[in-house]
Amino acid sequence: MTLTQDFSVIAAITAFWLVAMIVPGLDFLLVTRLAVMKGRPAALQATFGIASGVAVWGVAGFFGIRALFIAAPWLYLALKIGGGLYLMTVGAKLLMSSWKNEGEAGTASLTTDQRSNSFFAGFLTNLLNPKAPIFVSSLFAASMPQHASIYLGLTCVAAMFVTCPPKM
């Protein structure tokens, strides 16, 4: 492939990913909740966790997560069940916390534990989202050429990571 073709693939994946980032989902709800309840630092940590989850799915998608799920359908089913249970747990926690009046919203100073918890909440929310592997593997299947180089694939993953903006 020529450099121009590589740039067009990177631009296409970046454009598709930006459109996906516009649609609010669980990641958006998590970051918004953290911004309101714990302040901007916690929300930014969660955003970095979400972007890290995007990078994991991007690498997995490029290196053949779709082929793995076709070869081992039980793994796909396990991911769907585990991801669904996690999303229901997060939703239940959001509902229960909305009924309680805990602390003041927007506390500016966070401990290291709270920041790492925010990072891992964002990371796990993205990683266990059952739609993420389907979307990422579909994105790569539709946009990548048949014999894409490793450098092109990793550059596309990096573009996905960078275009995962703070959702506040």
N, C-alpha and C. Protein backbone atom coordinates (compact mmCIF):
# COMPACT_ATOMS: atom_id res chain seq x y z
N MET A 1 0.84 -1.18 0.00
CA MET A 1 0.00 0.00 0.00
C MET A 1 0.88 1.24 0.00
N THR A 2 0.36 2.27 -0.60
CA THR A 2 1.09 3.52 -0.62
C THR A 2 0.78 4.33 0.64
N LEU A 3 1.56 5.33 0.87
CA LEU A 3 1.37 6.19 2.03
C LEU A 3 0.02 6.90 1.97
N THR A 4 -0.39 7.30 0.77
CA THR A 4 -1.69 7.95 0.59
C THR A 4 -2.84 7.00 0.97
N GLN A 5 -2.72 5.74 0.56
CA GLN A 5 -3.75 4.76 0.91
C GLN A 5 -3.78 4.53 2.42
N ASP A 6 -2.61 4.47 3.04
CA ASP A 6 -2.55 4.30 4.50
C ASP A 6 -3.24 5.47 5.20
N PHE A 7 -2.96 6.69 4.74
CA PHE A 7 -3.60 7.86 5.35
C PHE A 7 -5.11 7.84 5.17
N SER A 8 -5.57 7.36 4.03
CA SER A 8 -7.02 7.31 3.82
C SER A 8 -7.68 6.28 4.74
N VAL A 9 -7.00 5.16 5.01
CA VAL A 9 -7.52 4.16 5.95
C VAL A 9 -7.56 4.74 7.36
N ILE A 10 -6.49 5.40 7.76
CA ILE A 10 -6.43 6.02 9.10
C ILE A 10 -7.52 7.08 9.23
N ALA A 11 -7.70 7.89 8.19
CA ALA A 11 -8.74 8.94 8.22
C ALA A 11 -10.13 8.32 8.31
N ALA A 12 -10.36 7.25 7.58
CA ALA A 12 -11.68 6.60 7.62
C ALA A 12 -11.97 6.03 9.00
N ILE A 13 -11.02 5.34 9.58
CA ILE A 13 -11.23 4.75 10.91
C ILE A 13 -11.42 5.85 11.95
N THR A 14 -10.63 6.91 11.85
CA THR A 14 -10.78 8.03 12.78
C THR A 14 -12.15 8.68 12.64
N ALA A 15 -12.62 8.85 11.41
CA ALA A 15 -13.94 9.46 11.19
C ALA A 15 -15.05 8.57 11.75
N PHE A 16 -14.98 7.28 11.47
CA PHE A 16 -15.98 6.35 12.02
C PHE A 16 -15.96 6.39 13.54
N TRP A 17 -14.76 6.42 14.12
CA TRP A 17 -14.64 6.41 15.58
C TRP A 17 -15.19 7.69 16.18
N LEU A 18 -14.95 8.83 15.54
CA LEU A 18 -15.49 10.09 16.04
C LEU A 18 -17.02 10.08 16.04
N VAL A 19 -17.61 9.51 15.01
CA VAL A 19 -19.06 9.40 14.96
C VAL A 19 -19.55 8.52 16.11
N ALA A 20 -18.83 7.43 16.38
CA ALA A 20 -19.20 6.55 17.50
C ALA A 20 -19.08 7.28 18.83
N MET A 21 -18.12 8.17 18.97
CA MET A 21 -17.91 8.90 20.22
C MET A 21 -19.00 9.94 20.47
N ILE A 22 -19.67 10.38 19.41
CA ILE A 22 -20.72 11.39 19.55
C ILE A 22 -21.95 10.81 20.24
N VAL A 23 -22.24 9.55 19.97
CA VAL A 23 -23.43 8.90 20.51
C VAL A 23 -23.20 8.60 21.99
N PRO A 24 -24.02 9.16 22.88
CA PRO A 24 -23.81 8.91 24.31
C PRO A 24 -24.19 7.47 24.67
N GLY A 25 -23.43 6.92 25.58
CA GLY A 25 -23.69 5.57 26.06
C GLY A 25 -23.29 5.47 27.52
N LEU A 26 -22.96 4.27 27.95
CA LEU A 26 -22.61 4.06 29.34
C LEU A 26 -21.34 4.82 29.73
N ASP A 27 -20.37 4.90 28.80
CA ASP A 27 -19.15 5.66 29.08
C ASP A 27 -19.48 7.12 29.39
N PHE A 28 -20.36 7.69 28.58
CA PHE A 28 -20.77 9.07 28.79
C PHE A 28 -21.45 9.26 30.14
N LEU A 29 -22.33 8.32 30.48
CA LEU A 29 -23.03 8.40 31.76
C LEU A 29 -22.06 8.29 32.94
N LEU A 30 -21.09 7.40 32.83
CA LEU A 30 -20.11 7.24 33.90
C LEU A 30 -19.30 8.52 34.09
N VAL A 31 -18.80 9.08 33.01
CA VAL A 31 -17.97 10.29 33.10
C VAL A 31 -18.79 11.46 33.63
N THR A 32 -20.02 11.59 33.15
CA THR A 32 -20.89 12.68 33.63
C THR A 32 -21.17 12.53 35.12
N ARG A 33 -21.49 11.32 35.54
CA ARG A 33 -21.76 11.07 36.96
C ARG A 33 -20.54 11.40 37.82
N LEU A 34 -19.36 10.95 37.39
CA LEU A 34 -18.15 11.23 38.16
C LEU A 34 -17.84 12.72 38.19
N ALA A 35 -18.08 13.41 37.08
CA ALA A 35 -17.83 14.85 37.05
C ALA A 35 -18.72 15.58 38.04
N VAL A 36 -19.97 15.17 38.12
CA VAL A 36 -20.92 15.82 39.03
C VAL A 36 -20.65 15.43 40.48
N MET A 37 -20.42 14.15 40.72
CA MET A 37 -20.30 13.65 42.09
C MET A 37 -18.91 13.84 42.70
N LYS A 38 -17.86 13.66 41.88
CA LYS A 38 -16.50 13.68 42.43
C LYS A 38 -15.59 14.73 41.82
N GLY A 39 -16.07 15.43 40.81
CA GLY A 39 -15.29 16.51 40.22
C GLY A 39 -14.55 16.11 38.96
N ARG A 40 -13.93 17.10 38.38
CA ARG A 40 -13.24 16.95 37.10
C ARG A 40 -12.09 15.94 37.13
N PRO A 41 -11.24 15.91 38.18
CA PRO A 41 -10.13 14.95 38.17
C PRO A 41 -10.60 13.49 38.07
N ALA A 42 -11.65 13.15 38.77
CA ALA A 42 -12.17 11.77 38.71
C ALA A 42 -12.72 11.48 37.32
N ALA A 43 -13.40 12.45 36.73
CA ALA A 43 -13.96 12.26 35.39
C ALA A 43 -12.85 12.10 34.35
N LEU A 44 -11.77 12.87 34.49
CA LEU A 44 -10.65 12.74 33.55
C LEU A 44 -9.95 11.39 33.72
N GLN A 45 -9.84 10.92 34.96
CA GLN A 45 -9.26 9.59 35.19
C GLN A 45 -10.12 8.51 34.53
N ALA A 46 -11.43 8.63 34.66
CA ALA A 46 -12.33 7.66 34.03
C ALA A 46 -12.21 7.73 32.51
N THR A 47 -12.07 8.94 31.98
CA THR A 47 -11.90 9.09 30.53
C THR A 47 -10.63 8.41 30.06
N PHE A 48 -9.56 8.54 30.83
CA PHE A 48 -8.32 7.85 30.47
C PHE A 48 -8.51 6.33 30.55
N GLY A 49 -9.26 5.87 31.53
CA GLY A 49 -9.58 4.45 31.63
C GLY A 49 -10.38 3.97 30.43
N ILE A 50 -11.36 4.78 30.01
CA ILE A 50 -12.17 4.45 28.83
C ILE A 50 -11.28 4.38 27.58
N ALA A 51 -10.40 5.37 27.44
CA ALA A 51 -9.49 5.38 26.29
C ALA A 51 -8.57 4.17 26.32
N SER A 52 -8.15 3.75 27.50
CA SER A 52 -7.31 2.54 27.61
C SER A 52 -8.09 1.30 27.20
N GLY A 53 -9.36 1.24 27.58
CA GLY A 53 -10.21 0.14 27.14
C GLY A 53 -10.37 0.15 25.62
N VAL A 54 -10.50 1.33 25.04
CA VAL A 54 -10.57 1.46 23.58
C VAL A 54 -9.30 0.91 22.95
N ALA A 55 -8.15 1.23 23.55
CA ALA A 55 -6.89 0.72 23.01
C ALA A 55 -6.82 -0.80 23.07
N VAL A 56 -7.29 -1.39 24.18
CA VAL A 56 -7.30 -2.85 24.30
C VAL A 56 -8.18 -3.46 23.21
N TRP A 57 -9.40 -2.92 23.06
CA TRP A 57 -10.30 -3.46 22.04
C TRP A 57 -9.76 -3.20 20.65
N GLY A 58 -9.11 -2.07 20.45
CA GLY A 58 -8.53 -1.79 19.14
C GLY A 58 -7.45 -2.78 18.76
N VAL A 59 -6.54 -3.05 19.70
CA VAL A 59 -5.48 -4.04 19.44
C VAL A 59 -6.09 -5.42 19.22
N ALA A 60 -7.03 -5.78 20.08
CA ALA A 60 -7.69 -7.09 19.93
C ALA A 60 -8.45 -7.17 18.61
N GLY A 61 -9.12 -6.09 18.25
CA GLY A 61 -9.86 -6.07 16.99
C GLY A 61 -8.95 -6.21 15.79
N PHE A 62 -7.83 -5.50 15.84
CA PHE A 62 -6.90 -5.57 14.72
C PHE A 62 -6.29 -6.96 14.59
N PHE A 63 -5.95 -7.56 15.70
CA PHE A 63 -5.29 -8.87 15.65
C PHE A 63 -6.26 -10.04 15.62
N GLY A 64 -7.53 -9.78 15.38
CA GLY A 64 -8.43 -10.86 15.06
C GLY A 64 -9.40 -11.31 16.11
N ILE A 65 -9.95 -10.40 16.90
CA ILE A 65 -10.94 -10.80 17.89
C ILE A 65 -12.16 -11.43 17.21
N ARG A 66 -12.46 -10.94 16.04
CA ARG A 66 -13.60 -11.50 15.30
C ARG A 66 -13.36 -12.97 14.98
N ALA A 67 -12.16 -13.29 14.51
CA ALA A 67 -11.83 -14.69 14.21
C ALA A 67 -11.86 -15.53 15.47
N LEU A 68 -11.42 -14.96 16.59
CA LEU A 68 -11.44 -15.70 17.86
C LEU A 68 -12.87 -16.02 18.27
N PHE A 69 -13.76 -15.06 18.13
CA PHE A 69 -15.15 -15.29 18.51
C PHE A 69 -15.83 -16.29 17.59
N ILE A 70 -15.45 -16.29 16.33
CA ILE A 70 -16.02 -17.28 15.41
C ILE A 70 -15.49 -18.67 15.76
N ALA A 71 -14.20 -18.76 16.11
CA ALA A 71 -13.61 -20.05 16.46
C ALA A 71 -14.08 -20.55 17.83
N ALA A 72 -14.37 -19.65 18.74
CA ALA A 72 -14.78 -20.03 20.09
C ALA A 72 -16.04 -19.26 20.47
N PRO A 73 -17.21 -19.71 19.99
CA PRO A 73 -18.44 -18.98 20.27
C PRO A 73 -18.75 -18.87 21.76
N TRP A 74 -18.29 -19.81 22.57
CA TRP A 74 -18.53 -19.76 24.01
C TRP A 74 -17.85 -18.54 24.62
N LEU A 75 -16.71 -18.12 24.05
CA LEU A 75 -16.03 -16.94 24.58
C LEU A 75 -16.86 -15.68 24.32
N TYR A 76 -17.48 -15.61 23.15
CA TYR A 76 -18.35 -14.48 22.84
C TYR A 76 -19.55 -14.47 23.78
N LEU A 77 -20.13 -15.65 24.01
CA LEU A 77 -21.27 -15.75 24.92
C LEU A 77 -20.86 -15.35 26.34
N ALA A 78 -19.69 -15.79 26.78
CA ALA A 78 -19.20 -15.43 28.12
C ALA A 78 -19.02 -13.92 28.23
N LEU A 79 -18.49 -13.30 27.18
CA LEU A 79 -18.30 -11.84 27.20
C LEU A 79 -19.65 -11.13 27.24
N LYS A 80 -20.62 -11.61 26.48
CA LYS A 80 -21.94 -10.99 26.49
C LYS A 80 -22.59 -11.10 27.87
N ILE A 81 -22.51 -12.28 28.48
CA ILE A 81 -23.12 -12.47 29.80
C ILE A 81 -22.38 -11.65 30.86
N GLY A 82 -21.05 -11.74 30.87
CA GLY A 82 -20.26 -10.98 31.84
C GLY A 82 -20.44 -9.49 31.66
N GLY A 83 -20.42 -9.01 30.43
CA GLY A 83 -20.61 -7.60 30.16
C GLY A 83 -22.00 -7.13 30.55
N GLY A 84 -23.01 -7.94 30.26
CA GLY A 84 -24.38 -7.59 30.64
C GLY A 84 -24.55 -7.51 32.14
N LEU A 85 -23.97 -8.48 32.87
CA LEU A 85 -24.04 -8.46 34.34
C LEU A 85 -23.34 -7.22 34.90
N TYR A 86 -22.19 -6.90 34.33
CA TYR A 86 -21.46 -5.72 34.79
C TYR A 86 -22.27 -4.45 34.54
N LEU A 87 -22.85 -4.33 33.35
CA LEU A 87 -23.65 -3.14 33.03
C LEU A 87 -24.87 -3.03 33.93
N MET A 88 -25.49 -4.17 34.26
CA MET A 88 -26.63 -4.13 35.18
C MET A 88 -26.18 -3.71 36.58
N THR A 89 -25.01 -4.17 37.01
CA THR A 89 -24.47 -3.79 38.31
C THR A 89 -24.21 -2.29 38.36
N VAL A 90 -23.58 -1.77 37.30
CA VAL A 90 -23.30 -0.33 37.24
C VAL A 90 -24.61 0.46 37.26
N GLY A 91 -25.60 0.02 36.48
CA GLY A 91 -26.89 0.70 36.46
C GLY A 91 -27.57 0.68 37.81
N ALA A 92 -27.51 -0.47 38.50
CA ALA A 92 -28.12 -0.56 39.84
C ALA A 92 -27.42 0.37 40.82
N LYS A 93 -26.09 0.44 40.75
CA LYS A 93 -25.34 1.34 41.63
C LYS A 93 -25.69 2.79 41.34
N LEU A 94 -25.86 3.13 40.06
CA LEU A 94 -26.25 4.49 39.72
C LEU A 94 -27.62 4.83 40.29
N LEU A 95 -28.56 3.88 40.18
CA LEU A 95 -29.89 4.12 40.73
C LEU A 95 -29.85 4.25 42.25
N MET A 96 -29.13 3.37 42.92
CA MET A 96 -29.06 3.43 44.39
C MET A 96 -28.38 4.70 44.85
N SER A 97 -27.33 5.13 44.16
CA SER A 97 -26.65 6.34 44.58
C SER A 97 -27.51 7.58 44.32
N SER A 98 -28.41 7.51 43.36
CA SER A 98 -29.27 8.67 43.11
C SER A 98 -30.31 8.84 44.22
N TRP A 99 -30.62 7.76 44.93
CA TRP A 99 -31.59 7.83 46.02
C TRP A 99 -30.95 8.33 47.31
N LYS A 100 -29.64 8.22 47.40
CA LYS A 100 -28.94 8.66 48.60
C LYS A 100 -28.44 10.08 48.38
N ASN A 101 -28.24 10.78 49.47
CA ASN A 101 -27.69 12.13 49.42
C ASN A 101 -26.30 12.09 50.03
N GLU A 102 -25.35 11.52 49.30
CA GLU A 102 -24.01 11.35 49.86
C GLU A 102 -23.13 12.54 49.52
N GLY A 103 -22.56 13.18 50.53
CA GLY A 103 -21.55 14.22 50.36
C GLY A 103 -21.97 15.35 49.45
N GLU A 104 -21.02 16.21 49.19
CA GLU A 104 -21.25 17.33 48.29
C GLU A 104 -20.77 16.96 46.91
N ALA A 105 -21.48 17.42 45.92
CA ALA A 105 -21.08 17.16 44.54
C ALA A 105 -19.87 18.01 44.21
N GLY A 106 -18.97 17.42 43.41
CA GLY A 106 -17.85 18.19 42.88
C GLY A 106 -16.73 18.45 43.85
N THR A 107 -16.43 17.53 44.76
CA THR A 107 -15.30 17.74 45.63
C THR A 107 -14.03 17.74 44.78
N ALA A 108 -13.21 18.75 44.96
CA ALA A 108 -12.08 18.97 44.06
C ALA A 108 -10.89 18.08 44.37
N SER A 109 -10.63 17.76 45.63
CA SER A 109 -9.44 16.97 45.93
C SER A 109 -9.82 15.51 46.10
N LEU A 110 -9.09 14.67 45.38
CA LEU A 110 -9.34 13.23 45.42
C LEU A 110 -8.10 12.52 45.92
N THR A 111 -8.32 11.44 46.63
CA THR A 111 -7.19 10.62 47.04
C THR A 111 -6.75 9.78 45.86
N THR A 112 -5.58 9.16 45.98
CA THR A 112 -5.07 8.30 44.93
C THR A 112 -5.99 7.12 44.71
N ASP A 113 -6.58 6.58 45.79
CA ASP A 113 -7.51 5.46 45.65
C ASP A 113 -8.72 5.85 44.82
N GLN A 114 -9.27 7.04 45.07
CA GLN A 114 -10.45 7.48 44.32
C GLN A 114 -10.11 7.66 42.85
N ARG A 115 -8.91 8.19 42.56
CA ARG A 115 -8.53 8.38 41.15
C ARG A 115 -8.34 7.04 40.47
N SER A 116 -7.66 6.09 41.14
CA SER A 116 -7.45 4.80 40.51
C SER A 116 -8.78 4.07 40.36
N ASN A 117 -9.69 4.24 41.32
CA ASN A 117 -11.01 3.64 41.18
C ASN A 117 -11.75 4.23 39.99
N SER A 118 -11.60 5.53 39.77
CA SER A 118 -12.24 6.17 38.62
C SER A 118 -11.64 5.64 37.32
N PHE A 119 -10.31 5.49 37.29
CA PHE A 119 -9.66 4.93 36.11
C PHE A 119 -10.18 3.53 35.82
N PHE A 120 -10.19 2.68 36.84
CA PHE A 120 -10.63 1.29 36.64
C PHE A 120 -12.12 1.21 36.33
N ALA A 121 -12.91 2.10 36.87
CA ALA A 121 -14.34 2.13 36.53
C ALA A 121 -14.50 2.42 35.04
N GLY A 122 -13.78 3.41 34.54
CA GLY A 122 -13.83 3.73 33.11
C GLY A 122 -13.29 2.60 32.25
N PHE A 123 -12.18 2.03 32.68
CA PHE A 123 -11.55 0.93 31.94
C PHE A 123 -12.49 -0.26 31.85
N LEU A 124 -13.06 -0.68 32.99
CA LEU A 124 -13.94 -1.84 33.00
C LEU A 124 -15.26 -1.56 32.30
N THR A 125 -15.77 -0.35 32.42
CA THR A 125 -17.01 0.00 31.73
C THR A 125 -16.84 -0.18 30.23
N ASN A 126 -15.72 0.27 29.71
CA ASN A 126 -15.48 0.12 28.28
C ASN A 126 -15.12 -1.31 27.91
N LEU A 127 -14.28 -1.93 28.70
CA LEU A 127 -13.80 -3.27 28.37
C LEU A 127 -14.91 -4.31 28.43
N LEU A 128 -15.85 -4.15 29.36
CA LEU A 128 -16.91 -5.14 29.52
C LEU A 128 -18.20 -4.77 28.79
N ASN A 129 -18.16 -3.72 28.02
CA ASN A 129 -19.32 -3.34 27.22
C ASN A 129 -19.46 -4.35 26.07
N PRO A 130 -20.55 -5.10 26.02
CA PRO A 130 -20.66 -6.15 24.99
C PRO A 130 -20.71 -5.62 23.56
N LYS A 131 -21.03 -4.34 23.39
CA LYS A 131 -21.05 -3.79 22.04
C LYS A 131 -19.66 -3.42 21.54
N ALA A 132 -18.72 -3.19 22.44
CA ALA A 132 -17.39 -2.72 22.05
C ALA A 132 -16.65 -3.68 21.12
N PRO A 133 -16.54 -4.97 21.45
CA PRO A 133 -15.80 -5.84 20.53
C PRO A 133 -16.49 -6.01 19.18
N ILE A 134 -17.80 -5.99 19.19
CA ILE A 134 -18.53 -6.13 17.92
C ILE A 134 -18.27 -4.90 17.05
N PHE A 135 -18.36 -3.71 17.65
CA PHE A 135 -18.15 -2.49 16.89
C PHE A 135 -16.72 -2.39 16.38
N VAL A 136 -15.75 -2.64 17.25
CA VAL A 136 -14.35 -2.49 16.86
C VAL A 136 -13.97 -3.51 15.79
N SER A 137 -14.37 -4.76 15.99
CA SER A 137 -14.01 -5.76 14.98
C SER A 137 -14.72 -5.47 13.65
N SER A 138 -15.95 -4.98 13.71
CA SER A 138 -16.66 -4.60 12.48
C SER A 138 -15.97 -3.42 11.81
N LEU A 139 -15.53 -2.46 12.60
CA LEU A 139 -14.84 -1.29 12.07
C LEU A 139 -13.59 -1.71 11.32
N PHE A 140 -12.79 -2.59 11.93
CA PHE A 140 -11.57 -3.03 11.27
C PHE A 140 -11.87 -3.91 10.07
N ALA A 141 -12.89 -4.77 10.18
CA ALA A 141 -13.23 -5.64 9.04
C ALA A 141 -13.68 -4.81 7.84
N ALA A 142 -14.40 -3.73 8.10
CA ALA A 142 -14.92 -2.91 7.01
C ALA A 142 -13.90 -1.92 6.45
N SER A 143 -12.97 -1.48 7.27
CA SER A 143 -12.09 -0.37 6.87
C SER A 143 -10.66 -0.78 6.51
N MET A 144 -10.19 -1.86 7.05
CA MET A 144 -8.79 -2.24 6.84
C MET A 144 -8.63 -3.04 5.55
N PRO A 145 -7.55 -2.81 4.82
CA PRO A 145 -7.29 -3.64 3.65
C PRO A 145 -6.93 -5.06 4.07
N GLN A 146 -7.00 -5.99 3.13
CA GLN A 146 -6.82 -7.40 3.46
C GLN A 146 -5.44 -7.68 4.06
N HIS A 147 -4.40 -7.08 3.53
CA HIS A 147 -3.04 -7.35 4.01
C HIS A 147 -2.45 -6.09 4.64
N ALA A 148 -3.12 -5.58 5.64
CA ALA A 148 -2.66 -4.37 6.31
C ALA A 148 -1.42 -4.68 7.14
N SER A 149 -0.49 -3.73 7.14
CA SER A 149 0.72 -3.92 7.94
C SER A 149 0.41 -3.73 9.42
N ILE A 150 1.27 -4.26 10.26
CA ILE A 150 1.12 -4.09 11.70
C ILE A 150 1.19 -2.61 12.06
N TYR A 151 2.07 -1.88 11.38
CA TYR A 151 2.21 -0.45 11.66
C TYR A 151 0.92 0.31 11.36
N LEU A 152 0.26 -0.05 10.26
CA LEU A 152 -1.00 0.61 9.92
C LEU A 152 -2.06 0.30 10.97
N GLY A 153 -2.15 -0.95 11.38
CA GLY A 153 -3.13 -1.33 12.40
C GLY A 153 -2.89 -0.64 13.72
N LEU A 154 -1.64 -0.60 14.16
CA LEU A 154 -1.34 0.05 15.43
C LEU A 154 -1.51 1.56 15.35
N THR A 155 -1.27 2.15 14.18
CA THR A 155 -1.52 3.57 14.00
C THR A 155 -3.01 3.87 14.08
N CYS A 156 -3.84 2.98 13.52
CA CYS A 156 -5.30 3.15 13.62
C CYS A 156 -5.76 3.03 15.07
N VAL A 157 -5.18 2.09 15.82
CA VAL A 157 -5.52 1.95 17.24
C VAL A 157 -5.12 3.21 18.00
N ALA A 158 -3.94 3.74 17.70
CA ALA A 158 -3.50 4.98 18.34
C ALA A 158 -4.44 6.13 18.00
N ALA A 159 -4.92 6.19 16.77
CA ALA A 159 -5.86 7.25 16.38
C ALA A 159 -7.17 7.10 17.15
N MET A 160 -7.61 5.86 17.37
CA MET A 160 -8.83 5.64 18.17
C MET A 160 -8.61 6.09 19.61
N PHE A 161 -7.45 5.81 20.17
CA PHE A 161 -7.12 6.19 21.54
C PHE A 161 -7.12 7.71 21.69
N VAL A 162 -6.49 8.38 20.74
CA VAL A 162 -6.35 9.84 20.81
C VAL A 162 -7.69 10.53 20.60
N THR A 163 -8.56 9.96 19.77
CA THR A 163 -9.85 10.60 19.49
C THR A 163 -10.92 10.20 20.49
N CYS A 164 -10.54 9.58 21.59
CA CYS A 164 -11.49 9.26 22.65
C CYS A 164 -11.49 10.46 23.62
N PRO A 165 -12.29 11.51 23.30
CA PRO A 165 -12.19 12.77 24.03
C PRO A 165 -12.82 12.70 25.43
N PRO A 166 -12.38 13.59 26.32
CA PRO A 166 -13.09 13.72 27.60
C PRO A 166 -14.53 14.12 27.34
N LYS A 167 -15.47 13.37 27.88
CA LYS A 167 -16.90 13.60 27.60
C LYS A 167 -17.53 14.39 28.74
N MET A 168 -17.22 15.66 28.80
CA MET A 168 -17.80 16.49 29.85
C MET A 168 -18.38 17.75 29.27
